[in-house]
Amino acid sequence: MTLQGPATRVTVFIKESDQWHHRPLYAEIVHRAHQAGLAGASVFRGIEGYGRSSHIHTSRILSLSDDLPCSVVIVDEDAKVRAFLPQLDELVSEGLVICDPVEVVRHATRSGRTS
């Protein structure tokens, strides 16, 4: 599948320690996105941040945190992303889910061929 042109990016902001049935929540989101056939999903670990609680979580040496911010980013066609949102609603009890319109300029495999 070639993904090019208008698309939607969904970003899920959670904590690294969030769990879904004794499994990291970020892993569950990625695996469900894969099962749903979405174009791609990536997890990014933050080094510092805060959310609604206003409590700052940081990776600095003097105040190590096992609860760092984490984001899962998924990009695909708008209809596919919108169809996946109910699963995120089920999984994310605390956090923030946002959708942005994006333009895919290049979607390539490791060999350099467009997929």
Protein backbone atom coordinates (compact mmCIF):
# COMPACT_ATOMS: atom_id res chain seq x y z
CA MET A 1 0.00 0.00 0.00
CA THR A 2 1.31 3.43 -0.90
CA LEU A 3 0.39 6.18 1.49
CA GLN A 4 0.79 9.57 -0.13
CA GLY A 5 -0.99 12.89 0.04
CA PRO A 6 -3.59 13.81 2.68
CA ALA A 7 -3.60 11.60 5.77
CA THR A 8 -4.36 11.80 9.48
CA ARG A 9 -1.91 11.51 12.35
CA VAL A 10 -3.24 10.37 15.69
CA THR A 11 -0.99 10.96 18.69
CA VAL A 12 -1.67 9.31 22.02
CA PHE A 13 0.01 10.91 25.05
CA ILE A 14 0.27 8.49 27.96
CA LYS A 15 2.68 7.52 30.74
CA GLU A 16 5.32 4.90 30.15
CA SER A 17 4.03 2.94 33.15
CA ASP A 18 0.40 2.76 31.93
CA GLN A 19 -0.77 -0.83 31.62
CA TRP A 20 -3.45 -2.79 29.76
CA HIS A 21 -4.02 -6.22 31.30
CA HIS A 22 -0.47 -6.40 32.72
CA ARG A 23 1.10 -5.28 29.43
CA PRO A 24 2.51 -1.85 28.56
CA LEU A 25 -0.32 0.25 27.12
CA TYR A 26 1.91 1.61 24.36
CA ALA A 27 2.62 -1.97 23.20
CA GLU A 28 -1.08 -2.83 23.16
CA ILE A 29 -1.83 0.26 21.05
CA VAL A 30 0.93 -0.58 18.55
CA HIS A 31 -0.17 -4.22 18.25
CA ARG A 32 -3.82 -3.24 17.76
CA ALA A 33 -2.84 -0.67 15.14
CA HIS A 34 -0.89 -3.39 13.33
CA GLN A 35 -3.84 -5.80 13.53
CA ALA A 36 -6.10 -3.06 12.15
CA GLY A 37 -3.81 -2.76 9.12
CA LEU A 38 -2.79 0.82 9.78
CA ALA A 39 0.22 2.09 7.81
CA GLY A 40 2.51 2.52 10.81
CA ALA A 41 2.85 3.27 14.50
CA SER A 42 5.82 4.44 16.55
CA VAL A 43 6.39 4.92 20.27
CA PHE A 44 8.43 7.83 21.60
CA ARG A 45 9.68 8.05 25.18
CA GLY A 46 9.84 11.53 26.63
CA ILE A 47 12.65 12.77 28.82
CA GLU A 48 10.50 15.27 30.68
CA GLY A 49 6.92 16.43 30.75
CA TYR A 50 3.71 16.98 32.66
CA GLY A 51 0.04 16.57 32.00
CA ARG A 52 -3.24 17.35 33.65
CA SER A 53 -1.87 16.61 37.13
CA SER A 54 0.80 19.32 36.65
CA HIS A 55 3.34 16.94 38.22
CA ILE A 56 6.60 17.11 36.25
CA HIS A 57 8.13 13.75 35.37
CA THR A 58 11.79 13.82 34.37
CA SER A 59 14.67 11.51 33.54
CA ARG A 60 17.29 13.78 35.11
CA ILE A 61 19.72 11.87 37.28
CA LEU A 62 18.71 13.48 40.60
CA SER A 63 15.00 12.90 40.12
CA LEU A 64 14.68 9.66 38.16
CA SER A 65 11.16 8.71 37.21
CA ASP A 66 9.76 5.40 36.12
CA ASP A 67 6.68 7.24 34.94
CA LEU A 68 8.01 9.24 32.01
CA PRO A 69 5.78 10.66 29.30
CA CYS A 70 5.29 8.49 26.25
CA SER A 71 3.58 9.08 22.93
CA VAL A 72 2.32 6.71 20.27
CA VAL A 73 2.06 8.19 16.78
CA ILE A 74 -0.03 6.53 14.06
CA VAL A 75 -0.43 7.81 10.48
CA ASP A 76 -2.81 6.54 7.83
CA GLU A 77 -5.76 7.55 5.69
CA ASP A 78 -8.36 9.52 7.63
CA ALA A 79 -11.07 6.86 7.37
CA LYS A 80 -8.78 4.13 8.72
CA VAL A 81 -7.61 6.30 11.62
CA ARG A 82 -11.19 7.30 12.49
CA ALA A 83 -12.24 3.64 12.43
CA PHE A 84 -9.44 2.89 14.94
CA LEU A 85 -10.43 5.63 17.41
CA PRO A 86 -13.01 3.46 19.28
CA GLN A 87 -10.20 1.07 20.20
CA LEU A 88 -8.20 3.98 21.63
CA ASP A 89 -11.28 5.07 23.55
CA GLU A 90 -11.39 1.59 25.10
CA LEU A 91 -7.65 1.53 25.92
CA VAL A 92 -6.83 5.07 27.08
CA SER A 93 -8.46 5.84 30.41
CA GLU A 94 -5.95 8.57 31.29
CA GLY A 95 -4.06 10.59 28.72
CA LEU A 96 -4.66 12.68 25.65
CA VAL A 97 -5.56 11.59 22.12
CA ILE A 98 -5.28 14.11 19.27
CA CYS A 99 -5.75 13.93 15.52
CA ASP A 100 -4.02 16.18 13.01
CA PRO A 101 -4.36 16.42 9.25
CA VAL A 102 -0.98 15.75 7.63
CA GLU A 103 0.43 15.39 4.15
CA VAL A 104 2.50 12.30 3.44
CA VAL A 105 5.34 13.31 1.15
CA ARG A 106 7.16 9.97 1.06
CA HIS A 107 6.31 6.52 2.38
CA ALA A 108 9.18 4.16 1.58
CA THR A 109 10.51 0.78 2.68
CA ARG A 110 14.07 0.18 3.85
CA SER A 111 15.08 -0.68 0.30
CA GLY A 112 13.93 2.77 -0.78
CA ARG A 113 10.96 1.54 -2.76
CA THR A 114 7.65 3.17 -2.05
CA SER A 115 5.35 0.76 -0.30
